[in-house]
Protein backbone atom coordinates (compact mmCIF):
# COMPACT_ATOMS: atom_id res chain seq x y z
CA UNK A 1 0.00 0.00 0.00
CA UNK A 2 1.07 3.55 -0.68
CA UNK A 3 1.03 6.39 1.82
CA UNK A 4 -1.94 7.92 -0.03
CA UNK A 5 -4.07 4.74 0.23
CA UNK A 6 -6.75 4.32 2.88
CA UNK A 7 -8.18 1.13 4.41
CA UNK A 8 -11.44 1.26 6.34
CA UNK A 9 -13.67 -1.37 7.90
CA UNK A 10 -17.20 -0.99 6.57
CA UNK A 11 -18.76 -3.56 8.88
CA UNK A 12 -18.56 -7.23 9.71
CA UNK A 13 -15.92 -8.72 7.47
CA UNK A 14 -16.15 -6.03 4.76
CA UNK A 15 -13.40 -3.48 4.19
CA UNK A 16 -12.84 -0.66 1.73
CA UNK A 17 -9.50 0.30 0.22
CA UNK A 18 -9.30 3.73 -1.40
CA UNK A 19 -6.57 4.04 -4.01
CA UNK A 20 -6.42 7.66 -5.15
CA UNK A 21 -4.87 8.37 -8.53
CA UNK A 22 -4.99 4.71 -9.49
CA UNK A 23 -5.96 3.39 -12.92
CA UNK A 24 -8.48 0.56 -13.15
CA UNK A 25 -5.77 -1.84 -14.33
CA UNK A 26 -3.63 -0.95 -11.29
CA UNK A 27 -6.59 -1.56 -8.96
CA UNK A 28 -7.19 -4.93 -10.62
CA UNK A 29 -3.53 -5.92 -10.12
CA UNK A 30 -3.81 -4.83 -6.48
CA UNK A 31 -6.93 -7.00 -6.08
CA UNK A 32 -5.12 -9.99 -7.56
CA UNK A 33 -2.22 -9.49 -5.14
CA UNK A 34 -4.68 -9.39 -2.23
CA UNK A 35 -6.22 -12.65 -3.40
CA UNK A 36 -2.81 -14.30 -3.71
CA UNK A 37 -1.84 -13.09 -0.22
CA UNK A 38 -5.11 -14.41 1.22
CA UNK A 39 -4.53 -17.80 -0.37
CA UNK A 40 -1.03 -17.99 1.17
CA UNK A 41 -2.36 -17.03 4.62
CA UNK A 42 -5.10 -18.29 6.86
CA UNK A 43 -8.03 -16.94 4.84
CA UNK A 44 -9.85 -19.50 2.74
CA UNK A 45 -11.62 -16.99 0.54
CA UNK A 46 -11.76 -13.33 -0.38
CA UNK A 47 -14.11 -11.48 -2.72
CA UNK A 48 -13.24 -8.04 -4.07
CA UNK A 49 -15.40 -5.42 -5.74
CA UNK A 50 -13.65 -2.58 -7.52
CA UNK A 51 -15.38 0.71 -8.27
CA UNK A 52 -13.43 3.22 -10.34
CA UNK A 53 -14.03 6.74 -11.59
CA UNK A 54 -11.84 9.10 -13.59
CA UNK A 55 -12.99 12.05 -11.52
CA UNK A 56 -15.44 12.21 -8.67
CA UNK A 57 -16.98 15.05 -6.73
CA UNK A 58 -17.79 14.81 -3.01
CA UNK A 59 -21.51 14.43 -3.66
CA UNK A 60 -20.85 11.43 -5.94
CA UNK A 61 -19.07 9.27 -3.37
CA UNK A 62 -22.27 7.31 -2.66
CA UNK A 63 -22.51 6.40 -6.35
CA UNK A 64 -18.91 5.16 -6.33
CA UNK A 65 -19.54 3.05 -3.21
CA UNK A 66 -22.66 1.59 -4.85
CA UNK A 67 -20.61 0.77 -7.95
CA UNK A 68 -18.01 -1.08 -5.86
CA UNK A 69 -20.78 -2.87 -3.96
CA UNK A 70 -22.36 -4.14 -7.20
CA UNK A 71 -18.95 -5.37 -8.33
CA UNK A 72 -18.45 -7.09 -4.96
CA UNK A 73 -21.81 -8.85 -5.28
CA UNK A 74 -20.78 -10.14 -8.74
CA UNK A 75 -17.44 -11.32 -7.32
CA UNK A 76 -19.22 -13.22 -4.54
CA UNK A 77 -21.47 -14.87 -7.15
CA UNK A 78 -18.38 -15.93 -9.13
CA UNK A 79 -17.14 -18.02 -6.22
CA UNK A 80 -14.11 -18.10 -3.99
CA UNK A 81 -11.18 -15.73 -4.46
CA UNK A 82 -12.65 -13.57 -7.20
CA UNK A 83 -12.73 -9.88 -8.03
CA UNK A 84 -14.95 -7.87 -10.34
CA UNK A 85 -14.69 -4.29 -11.48
CA UNK A 86 -17.16 -1.58 -12.44
CA UNK A 87 -16.38 1.89 -13.76
CA UNK A 88 -18.59 4.76 -12.68
CA UNK A 89 -19.87 6.68 -15.67
PDB file of N, CA and C in Angstrom:
ATOM      1  N   UNK A   1       0.830  -1.174   0.000  1.00  0.00           N
ATOM      2  CA  UNK A   1       0.000   0.000   0.000  1.00  0.00           C
ATOM      3  C   UNK A   1       0.880   1.244   0.000  1.00  0.00           C
ATOM      4  N   UNK A   2       0.351   2.285  -0.623  1.00  0.00           N
ATOM      5  CA  UNK A   2       1.066   3.551  -0.675  1.00  0.00           C
ATOM      6  C   UNK A   2       0.623   4.440   0.476  1.00  0.00           C
ATOM      7  N   UNK A   3       1.380   5.457   0.752  1.00  0.00           N
ATOM      8  CA  UNK A   3       1.029   6.385   1.816  1.00  0.00           C
ATOM      9  C   UNK A   3      -0.267   7.129   1.566  1.00  0.00           C
ATOM     10  N   UNK A   4      -0.705   7.210   0.319  1.00  0.00           N
ATOM     11  CA  UNK A   4      -1.942   7.917  -0.026  1.00  0.00           C
ATOM     12  C   UNK A   4      -3.161   7.001   0.007  1.00  0.00           C
ATOM     13  N   UNK A   5      -2.967   5.705   0.205  1.00  0.00           N
ATOM     14  CA  UNK A   5      -4.073   4.742   0.227  1.00  0.00           C
ATOM     15  C   UNK A   5      -4.722   4.706   1.609  1.00  0.00           C
ATOM     16  N   UNK A   6      -6.002   4.381   1.638  1.00  0.00           N
ATOM     17  CA  UNK A   6      -6.749   4.319   2.882  1.00  0.00           C
ATOM     18  C   UNK A   6      -7.483   2.988   2.968  1.00  0.00           C
ATOM     19  N   UNK A   7      -7.422   2.350   4.131  1.00  0.00           N
ATOM     20  CA  UNK A   7      -8.177   1.130   4.409  1.00  0.00           C
ATOM     21  C   UNK A   7      -9.170   1.440   5.513  1.00  0.00           C
ATOM     22  N   UNK A   8     -10.421   1.022   5.328  1.00  0.00           N
ATOM     23  CA  UNK A   8     -11.444   1.262   6.339  1.00  0.00           C
ATOM     24  C   UNK A   8     -12.345   0.043   6.448  1.00  0.00           C
ATOM     25  N   UNK A   9     -12.716  -0.276   7.670  1.00  0.00           N
ATOM     26  CA  UNK A   9     -13.668  -1.368   7.896  1.00  0.00           C
ATOM     27  C   UNK A   9     -15.069  -0.814   7.717  1.00  0.00           C
ATOM     28  N   UNK A  10     -15.837  -1.435   6.838  1.00  0.00           N
ATOM     29  CA  UNK A  10     -17.198  -0.989   6.572  1.00  0.00           C
ATOM     30  C   UNK A  10     -18.148  -1.606   7.596  1.00  0.00           C
ATOM     31  N   UNK A  11     -17.921  -2.851   7.916  1.00  0.00           N
ATOM     32  CA  UNK A  11     -18.758  -3.558   8.875  1.00  0.00           C
ATOM     33  C   UNK A  11     -18.563  -5.044   8.709  1.00  0.00           C
ATOM     34  N   UNK A  12     -18.723  -5.777   9.798  1.00  0.00           N
ATOM     35  CA  UNK A  12     -18.555  -7.228   9.714  1.00  0.00           C
ATOM     36  C   UNK A  12     -17.194  -7.570   9.162  1.00  0.00           C
ATOM     37  N   UNK A  13     -17.186  -8.335   8.094  1.00  0.00           N
ATOM     38  CA  UNK A  13     -15.923  -8.718   7.467  1.00  0.00           C
ATOM     39  C   UNK A  13     -15.698  -7.990   6.148  1.00  0.00           C
ATOM     40  N   UNK A  14     -16.306  -6.811   5.987  1.00  0.00           N
ATOM     41  CA  UNK A  14     -16.147  -6.027   4.763  1.00  0.00           C
ATOM     42  C   UNK A  14     -15.272  -4.802   5.020  1.00  0.00           C
ATOM     43  N   UNK A  15     -14.336  -4.595   4.099  1.00  0.00           N
ATOM     44  CA  UNK A  15     -13.403  -3.481   4.187  1.00  0.00           C
ATOM     45  C   UNK A  15     -13.404  -2.727   2.867  1.00  0.00           C
ATOM     46  N   UNK A  16     -13.017  -1.473   2.924  1.00  0.00           N
ATOM     47  CA  UNK A  16     -12.844  -0.661   1.728  1.00  0.00           C
ATOM     48  C   UNK A  16     -11.384  -0.220   1.668  1.00  0.00           C
ATOM     49  N   UNK A  17     -10.842  -0.221   0.459  1.00  0.00           N
ATOM     50  CA  UNK A  17      -9.505   0.305   0.225  1.00  0.00           C
ATOM     51  C   UNK A  17      -9.657   1.401  -0.816  1.00  0.00           C
ATOM     52  N   UNK A  18      -9.212   2.601  -0.483  1.00  0.00           N
ATOM     53  CA  UNK A  18      -9.304   3.731  -1.401  1.00  0.00           C
ATOM     54  C   UNK A  18      -7.919   3.981  -1.973  1.00  0.00           C
ATOM     55  N   UNK A  19      -7.837   3.863  -3.295  1.00  0.00           N
ATOM     56  CA  UNK A  19      -6.571   4.037  -4.008  1.00  0.00           C
ATOM     57  C   UNK A  19      -6.700   5.275  -4.889  1.00  0.00           C
ATOM     58  N   UNK A  20      -6.319   6.416  -4.387  1.00  0.00           N
ATOM     59  CA  UNK A  20      -6.421   7.657  -5.155  1.00  0.00           C
ATOM     60  C   UNK A  20      -5.398   7.673  -6.281  1.00  0.00           C
ATOM     61  N   UNK A  21      -5.790   8.229  -7.415  1.00  0.00           N
ATOM     62  CA  UNK A  21      -4.869   8.367  -8.534  1.00  0.00           C
ATOM     63  C   UNK A  21      -4.448   7.034  -9.123  1.00  0.00           C
ATOM     64  N   UNK A  22      -5.315   6.067  -9.060  1.00  0.00           N
ATOM     65  CA  UNK A  22      -4.994   4.707  -9.492  1.00  0.00           C
ATOM     66  C   UNK A  22      -5.841   4.354 -10.712  1.00  0.00           C
ATOM     67  N   UNK A  23      -5.216   3.843 -11.741  1.00  0.00           N
ATOM     68  CA  UNK A  23      -5.958   3.390 -12.918  1.00  0.00           C
ATOM     69  C   UNK A  23      -6.676   2.084 -12.591  1.00  0.00           C
ATOM     70  N   UNK A  24      -7.721   1.789 -13.365  1.00  0.00           N
ATOM     71  CA  UNK A  24      -8.480   0.556 -13.148  1.00  0.00           C
ATOM     72  C   UNK A  24      -7.577  -0.674 -13.233  1.00  0.00           C
ATOM     73  N   UNK A  25      -6.669  -0.690 -14.192  1.00  0.00           N
ATOM     74  CA  UNK A  25      -5.771  -1.841 -14.330  1.00  0.00           C
ATOM     75  C   UNK A  25      -4.864  -1.999 -13.117  1.00  0.00           C
ATOM     76  N   UNK A  26      -4.442  -0.884 -12.513  1.00  0.00           N
ATOM     77  CA  UNK A  26      -3.629  -0.949 -11.291  1.00  0.00           C
ATOM     78  C   UNK A  26      -4.452  -1.501 -10.124  1.00  0.00           C
ATOM     79  N   UNK A  27      -5.711  -1.070 -10.020  1.00  0.00           N
ATOM     80  CA  UNK A  27      -6.591  -1.564  -8.958  1.00  0.00           C
ATOM     81  C   UNK A  27      -6.835  -3.064  -9.124  1.00  0.00           C
ATOM     82  N   UNK A  28      -6.981  -3.508 -10.358  1.00  0.00           N
ATOM     83  CA  UNK A  28      -7.186  -4.932 -10.616  1.00  0.00           C
ATOM     84  C   UNK A  28      -5.950  -5.742 -10.245  1.00  0.00           C
ATOM     85  N   UNK A  29      -4.765  -5.228 -10.528  1.00  0.00           N
ATOM     86  CA  UNK A  29      -3.535  -5.922 -10.116  1.00  0.00           C
ATOM     87  C   UNK A  29      -3.427  -5.964  -8.596  1.00  0.00           C
ATOM     88  N   UNK A  30      -3.803  -4.877  -7.939  1.00  0.00           N
ATOM     89  CA  UNK A  30      -3.806  -4.835  -6.484  1.00  0.00           C
ATOM     90  C   UNK A  30      -4.760  -5.896  -5.927  1.00  0.00           C
ATOM     91  N   UNK A  31      -5.952  -5.995  -6.515  1.00  0.00           N
ATOM     92  CA  UNK A  31      -6.932  -6.997  -6.081  1.00  0.00           C
ATOM     93  C   UNK A  31      -6.362  -8.406  -6.233  1.00  0.00           C
ATOM     94  N   UNK A  32      -5.703  -8.659  -7.342  1.00  0.00           N
ATOM     95  CA  UNK A  32      -5.115  -9.988  -7.565  1.00  0.00           C
ATOM     96  C   UNK A  32      -4.036 -10.281  -6.528  1.00  0.00           C
ATOM     97  N   UNK A  33      -3.241  -9.288  -6.180  1.00  0.00           N
ATOM     98  CA  UNK A  33      -2.223  -9.486  -5.144  1.00  0.00           C
ATOM     99  C   UNK A  33      -2.857  -9.773  -3.790  1.00  0.00           C
ATOM    100  N   UNK A  34      -3.976  -9.108  -3.472  1.00  0.00           N
ATOM    101  CA  UNK A  34      -4.683  -9.392  -2.227  1.00  0.00           C
ATOM    102  C   UNK A  34      -5.192 -10.829  -2.203  1.00  0.00           C
ATOM    103  N   UNK A  35      -5.728 -11.279  -3.311  1.00  0.00           N
ATOM    104  CA  UNK A  35      -6.224 -12.653  -3.398  1.00  0.00           C
ATOM    105  C   UNK A  35      -5.082 -13.642  -3.194  1.00  0.00           C
ATOM    106  N   UNK A  36      -3.960 -13.402  -3.850  1.00  0.00           N
ATOM    107  CA  UNK A  36      -2.813 -14.298  -3.711  1.00  0.00           C
ATOM    108  C   UNK A  36      -2.303 -14.314  -2.268  1.00  0.00           C
ATOM    109  N   UNK A  37      -2.277 -13.159  -1.617  1.00  0.00           N
ATOM    110  CA  UNK A  37      -1.835 -13.092  -0.218  1.00  0.00           C
ATOM    111  C   UNK A  37      -2.811 -13.842   0.680  1.00  0.00           C
ATOM    112  N   UNK A  38      -4.101 -13.700   0.422  1.00  0.00           N
ATOM    113  CA  UNK A  38      -5.107 -14.407   1.224  1.00  0.00           C
ATOM    114  C   UNK A  38      -4.957 -15.915   1.070  1.00  0.00           C
ATOM    115  N   UNK A  39      -4.680 -16.366  -0.130  1.00  0.00           N
ATOM    116  CA  UNK A  39      -4.528 -17.801  -0.370  1.00  0.00           C
ATOM    117  C   UNK A  39      -3.287 -18.355   0.315  1.00  0.00           C
ATOM    118  N   UNK A  40      -2.254 -17.544   0.480  1.00  0.00           N
ATOM    119  CA  UNK A  40      -1.032 -17.985   1.171  1.00  0.00           C
ATOM    120  C   UNK A  40      -1.210 -17.973   2.683  1.00  0.00           C
ATOM    121  N   UNK A  41      -2.156 -17.193   3.171  1.00  0.00           N
ATOM    122  CA  UNK A  41      -2.358 -17.031   4.615  1.00  0.00           C
ATOM    123  C   UNK A  41      -3.447 -17.943   5.142  1.00  0.00           C
ATOM    124  N   UNK A  42      -4.092 -17.494   6.178  1.00  0.00           N
ATOM    125  CA  UNK A  42      -5.102 -18.293   6.861  1.00  0.00           C
ATOM    126  C   UNK A  42      -6.509 -18.114   6.289  1.00  0.00           C
ATOM    127  N   UNK A  43      -6.700 -17.174   5.398  1.00  0.00           N
ATOM    128  CA  UNK A  43      -8.031 -16.938   4.836  1.00  0.00           C
ATOM    129  C   UNK A  43      -8.314 -17.958   3.749  1.00  0.00           C
ATOM    130  N   UNK A  44      -9.506 -18.517   3.764  1.00  0.00           N
ATOM    131  CA  UNK A  44      -9.848 -19.503   2.740  1.00  0.00           C
ATOM    132  C   UNK A  44     -10.456 -18.853   1.513  1.00  0.00           C
ATOM    133  N   UNK A  45     -10.964 -17.634   1.667  1.00  0.00           N
ATOM    134  CA  UNK A  45     -11.625 -16.993   0.542  1.00  0.00           C
ATOM    135  C   UNK A  45     -11.633 -15.479   0.727  1.00  0.00           C
ATOM    136  N   UNK A  46     -11.647 -14.783  -0.383  1.00  0.00           N
ATOM    137  CA  UNK A  46     -11.765 -13.331  -0.383  1.00  0.00           C
ATOM    138  C   UNK A  46     -12.491 -12.941  -1.667  1.00  0.00           C
ATOM    139  N   UNK A  47     -13.398 -12.007  -1.560  1.00  0.00           N
ATOM    140  CA  UNK A  47     -14.108 -11.476  -2.721  1.00  0.00           C
ATOM    141  C   UNK A  47     -13.866  -9.978  -2.745  1.00  0.00           C
ATOM    142  N   UNK A  48     -13.603  -9.444  -3.944  1.00  0.00           N
ATOM    143  CA  UNK A  48     -13.244  -8.035  -4.066  1.00  0.00           C
ATOM    144  C   UNK A  48     -14.095  -7.369  -5.135  1.00  0.00           C
ATOM    145  N   UNK A  49     -14.681  -6.249  -4.784  1.00  0.00           N
ATOM    146  CA  UNK A  49     -15.403  -5.420  -5.736  1.00  0.00           C
ATOM    147  C   UNK A  49     -14.636  -4.130  -5.945  1.00  0.00           C
ATOM    148  N   UNK A  50     -14.417  -3.775  -7.192  1.00  0.00           N
ATOM    149  CA  UNK A  50     -13.652  -2.576  -7.522  1.00  0.00           C
ATOM    150  C   UNK A  50     -14.590  -1.575  -8.197  1.00  0.00           C
ATOM    151  N   UNK A  51     -14.650  -0.386  -7.647  1.00  0.00           N
ATOM    152  CA  UNK A  51     -15.383   0.707  -8.274  1.00  0.00           C
ATOM    153  C   UNK A  51     -14.373   1.777  -8.658  1.00  0.00           C
ATOM    154  N   UNK A  52     -14.380   2.198  -9.906  1.00  0.00           N
ATOM    155  CA  UNK A  52     -13.430   3.217 -10.342  1.00  0.00           C
ATOM    156  C   UNK A  52     -14.165   4.389 -11.000  1.00  0.00           C
ATOM    157  N   UNK A  53     -13.520   5.539 -10.942  1.00  0.00           N
ATOM    158  CA  UNK A  53     -14.031   6.742 -11.588  1.00  0.00           C
ATOM    159  C   UNK A  53     -12.836   7.588 -11.992  1.00  0.00           C
ATOM    160  N   UNK A  54     -12.929   8.239 -13.137  1.00  0.00           N
ATOM    161  CA  UNK A  54     -11.841   9.104 -13.586  1.00  0.00           C
ATOM    162  C   UNK A  54     -11.761  10.360 -12.736  1.00  0.00           C
ATOM    163  N   UNK A  55     -12.904  10.854 -12.354  1.00  0.00           N
ATOM    164  CA  UNK A  55     -12.986  12.054 -11.519  1.00  0.00           C
ATOM    165  C   UNK A  55     -14.292  11.956 -10.746  1.00  0.00           C
ATOM    166  N   UNK A  56     -14.229  12.302  -9.489  1.00  0.00           N
ATOM    167  CA  UNK A  56     -15.438  12.207  -8.673  1.00  0.00           C
ATOM    168  C   UNK A  56     -15.528  13.413  -7.749  1.00  0.00           C
ATOM    169  N   UNK A  57     -16.706  13.939  -7.637  1.00  0.00           N
ATOM    170  CA  UNK A  57     -16.978  15.054  -6.727  1.00  0.00           C
ATOM    171  C   UNK A  57     -17.454  14.479  -5.392  1.00  0.00           C
ATOM    172  N   UNK A  58     -17.388  15.269  -4.344  1.00  0.00           N
ATOM    173  CA  UNK A  58     -17.786  14.813  -3.010  1.00  0.00           C
ATOM    174  C   UNK A  58     -19.195  14.241  -2.986  1.00  0.00           C
ATOM    175  N   UNK A  59     -20.119  14.876  -3.708  1.00  0.00           N
ATOM    176  CA  UNK A  59     -21.507  14.431  -3.662  1.00  0.00           C
ATOM    177  C   UNK A  59     -21.739  13.160  -4.473  1.00  0.00           C
ATOM    178  N   UNK A  60     -20.721  12.654  -5.160  1.00  0.00           N
ATOM    179  CA  UNK A  60     -20.850  11.429  -5.942  1.00  0.00           C
ATOM    180  C   UNK A  60     -20.241  10.216  -5.248  1.00  0.00           C
ATOM    181  N   UNK A  61     -19.735  10.385  -4.043  1.00  0.00           N
ATOM    182  CA  UNK A  61     -19.070   9.273  -3.370  1.00  0.00           C
ATOM    183  C   UNK A  61     -20.026   8.110  -3.114  1.00  0.00           C
ATOM    184  N   UNK A  62     -21.292   8.390  -2.869  1.00  0.00           N
ATOM    185  CA  UNK A  62     -22.272   7.314  -2.660  1.00  0.00           C
ATOM    186  C   UNK A  62     -22.436   6.490  -3.929  1.00  0.00           C
ATOM    187  N   UNK A  63     -22.409   7.138  -5.086  1.00  0.00           N
ATOM    188  CA  UNK A  63     -22.508   6.405  -6.354  1.00  0.00           C
ATOM    189  C   UNK A  63     -21.299   5.511  -6.562  1.00  0.00           C
ATOM    190  N   UNK A  64     -20.116   5.971  -6.185  1.00  0.00           N
ATOM    191  CA  UNK A  64     -18.911   5.165  -6.329  1.00  0.00           C
ATOM    192  C   UNK A  64     -18.955   3.960  -5.388  1.00  0.00           C
ATOM    193  N   UNK A  65     -19.400   4.173  -4.154  1.00  0.00           N
ATOM    194  CA  UNK A  65     -19.544   3.047  -3.208  1.00  0.00           C
ATOM    195  C   UNK A  65     -20.548   2.026  -3.730  1.00  0.00           C
ATOM    196  N   UNK A  66     -21.652   2.494  -4.301  1.00  0.00           N
ATOM    197  CA  UNK A  66     -22.657   1.587  -4.852  1.00  0.00           C
ATOM    198  C   UNK A  66     -22.090   0.796  -6.025  1.00  0.00           C
ATOM    199  N   UNK A  67     -21.263   1.440  -6.829  1.00  0.00           N
ATOM    200  CA  UNK A  67     -20.613   0.770  -7.952  1.00  0.00           C
ATOM    201  C   UNK A  67     -19.698  -0.348  -7.454  1.00  0.00           C
ATOM    202  N   UNK A  68     -18.901  -0.063  -6.435  1.00  0.00           N
ATOM    203  CA  UNK A  68     -18.013  -1.077  -5.861  1.00  0.00           C
ATOM    204  C   UNK A  68     -18.817  -2.196  -5.217  1.00  0.00           C
ATOM    205  N   UNK A  69     -19.935  -1.859  -4.593  1.00  0.00           N
ATOM    206  CA  UNK A  69     -20.778  -2.865  -3.958  1.00  0.00           C
ATOM    207  C   UNK A  69     -21.386  -3.807  -4.995  1.00  0.00           C
ATOM    208  N   UNK A  70     -21.829  -3.277  -6.127  1.00  0.00           N
ATOM    209  CA  UNK A  70     -22.359  -4.135  -7.204  1.00  0.00           C
ATOM    210  C   UNK A  70     -21.275  -5.074  -7.715  1.00  0.00           C
ATOM    211  N   UNK A  71     -20.066  -4.544  -7.870  1.00  0.00           N
ATOM    212  CA  UNK A  71     -18.950  -5.371  -8.326  1.00  0.00           C
ATOM    213  C   UNK A  71     -18.631  -6.455  -7.296  1.00  0.00           C
ATOM    214  N   UNK A  72     -18.694  -6.110  -6.015  1.00  0.00           N
ATOM    215  CA  UNK A  72     -18.449  -7.087  -4.958  1.00  0.00           C
ATOM    216  C   UNK A  72     -19.484  -8.207  -5.011  1.00  0.00           C
ATOM    217  N   UNK A  73     -20.736  -7.849  -5.202  1.00  0.00           N
ATOM    218  CA  UNK A  73     -21.806  -8.850  -5.280  1.00  0.00           C
ATOM    219  C   UNK A  73     -21.537  -9.817  -6.437  1.00  0.00           C
ATOM    220  N   UNK A  74     -21.105  -9.277  -7.593  1.00  0.00           N
ATOM    221  CA  UNK A  74     -20.785 -10.144  -8.735  1.00  0.00           C
ATOM    222  C   UNK A  74     -19.586 -11.034  -8.431  1.00  0.00           C
ATOM    223  N   UNK A  75     -18.603 -10.516  -7.697  1.00  0.00           N
ATOM    224  CA  UNK A  75     -17.437 -11.317  -7.317  1.00  0.00           C
ATOM    225  C   UNK A  75     -17.853 -12.456  -6.394  1.00  0.00           C
ATOM    226  N   UNK A  76     -18.747 -12.178  -5.449  1.00  0.00           N
ATOM    227  CA  UNK A  76     -19.222 -13.223  -4.545  1.00  0.00           C
ATOM    228  C   UNK A  76     -19.978 -14.296  -5.318  1.00  0.00           C
ATOM    229  N   UNK A  77     -20.751 -13.906  -6.317  1.00  0.00           N
ATOM    230  CA  UNK A  77     -21.471 -14.870  -7.148  1.00  0.00           C
ATOM    231  C   UNK A  77     -20.512 -15.735  -7.965  1.00  0.00           C
ATOM    232  N   UNK A  78     -19.353 -15.196  -8.305  1.00  0.00           N
ATOM    233  CA  UNK A  78     -18.379 -15.933  -9.127  1.00  0.00           C
ATOM    234  C   UNK A  78     -17.696 -17.043  -8.337  1.00  0.00           C
ATOM    235  N   UNK A  79     -17.751 -16.973  -7.033  1.00  0.00           N
ATOM    236  CA  UNK A  79     -17.137 -18.024  -6.217  1.00  0.00           C
ATOM    237  C   UNK A  79     -15.953 -17.512  -5.433  1.00  0.00           C
ATOM    238  N   UNK A  80     -15.209 -18.438  -4.872  1.00  0.00           N
ATOM    239  CA  UNK A  80     -14.107 -18.103  -3.990  1.00  0.00           C
ATOM    240  C   UNK A  80     -12.984 -17.369  -4.721  1.00  0.00           C
ATOM    241  N   UNK A  81     -12.380 -16.445  -3.992  1.00  0.00           N
ATOM    242  CA  UNK A  81     -11.183 -15.728  -4.461  1.00  0.00           C
ATOM    243  C   UNK A  81     -11.392 -15.113  -5.849  1.00  0.00           C
ATOM    244  N   UNK A  82     -12.356 -14.238  -5.937  1.00  0.00           N
ATOM    245  CA  UNK A  82     -12.645 -13.569  -7.201  1.00  0.00           C
ATOM    246  C   UNK A  82     -12.731 -12.065  -6.984  1.00  0.00           C
ATOM    247  N   UNK A  83     -12.515 -11.326  -8.046  1.00  0.00           N
ATOM    248  CA  UNK A  83     -12.734  -9.883  -8.027  1.00  0.00           C
ATOM    249  C   UNK A  83     -13.475  -9.493  -9.286  1.00  0.00           C
ATOM    250  N   UNK A  84     -14.237  -8.437  -9.199  1.00  0.00           N
ATOM    251  CA  UNK A  84     -14.950  -7.872 -10.336  1.00  0.00           C
ATOM    252  C   UNK A  84     -14.803  -6.359 -10.247  1.00  0.00           C
ATOM    253  N   UNK A  85     -14.907  -5.715 -11.396  1.00  0.00           N
ATOM    254  CA  UNK A  85     -14.687  -4.287 -11.476  1.00  0.00           C
ATOM    255  C   UNK A  85     -15.840  -3.599 -12.192  1.00  0.00           C
ATOM    256  N   UNK A  86     -16.127  -2.385 -11.782  1.00  0.00           N
ATOM    257  CA  UNK A  86     -17.161  -1.577 -12.445  1.00  0.00           C
ATOM    258  C   UNK A  86     -16.686  -0.125 -12.461  1.00  0.00           C
ATOM    259  N   UNK A  87     -16.778   0.506 -13.613  1.00  0.00           N
ATOM    260  CA  UNK A  87     -16.378   1.892 -13.757  1.00  0.00           C
ATOM    261  C   UNK A  87     -17.593   2.789 -13.674  1.00  0.00           C
ATOM    262  N   UNK A  88     -17.517   3.802 -12.836  1.00  0.00           N
ATOM    263  CA  UNK A  88     -18.585   4.759 -12.679  1.00  0.00           C
ATOM    264  C   UNK A  88     -18.598   5.678 -13.892  1.00  0.00           C
ATOM    265  N   UNK A  89     -19.764   5.811 -14.496  1.00  0.00           N
ATOM    266  CA  UNK A  89     -19.867   6.682 -15.675  1.00  0.00           C
ATOM    267  C   UNK A  89     -20.796   7.825 -15.404  1.00  0.00           C
TER     268      UNK A  89
END
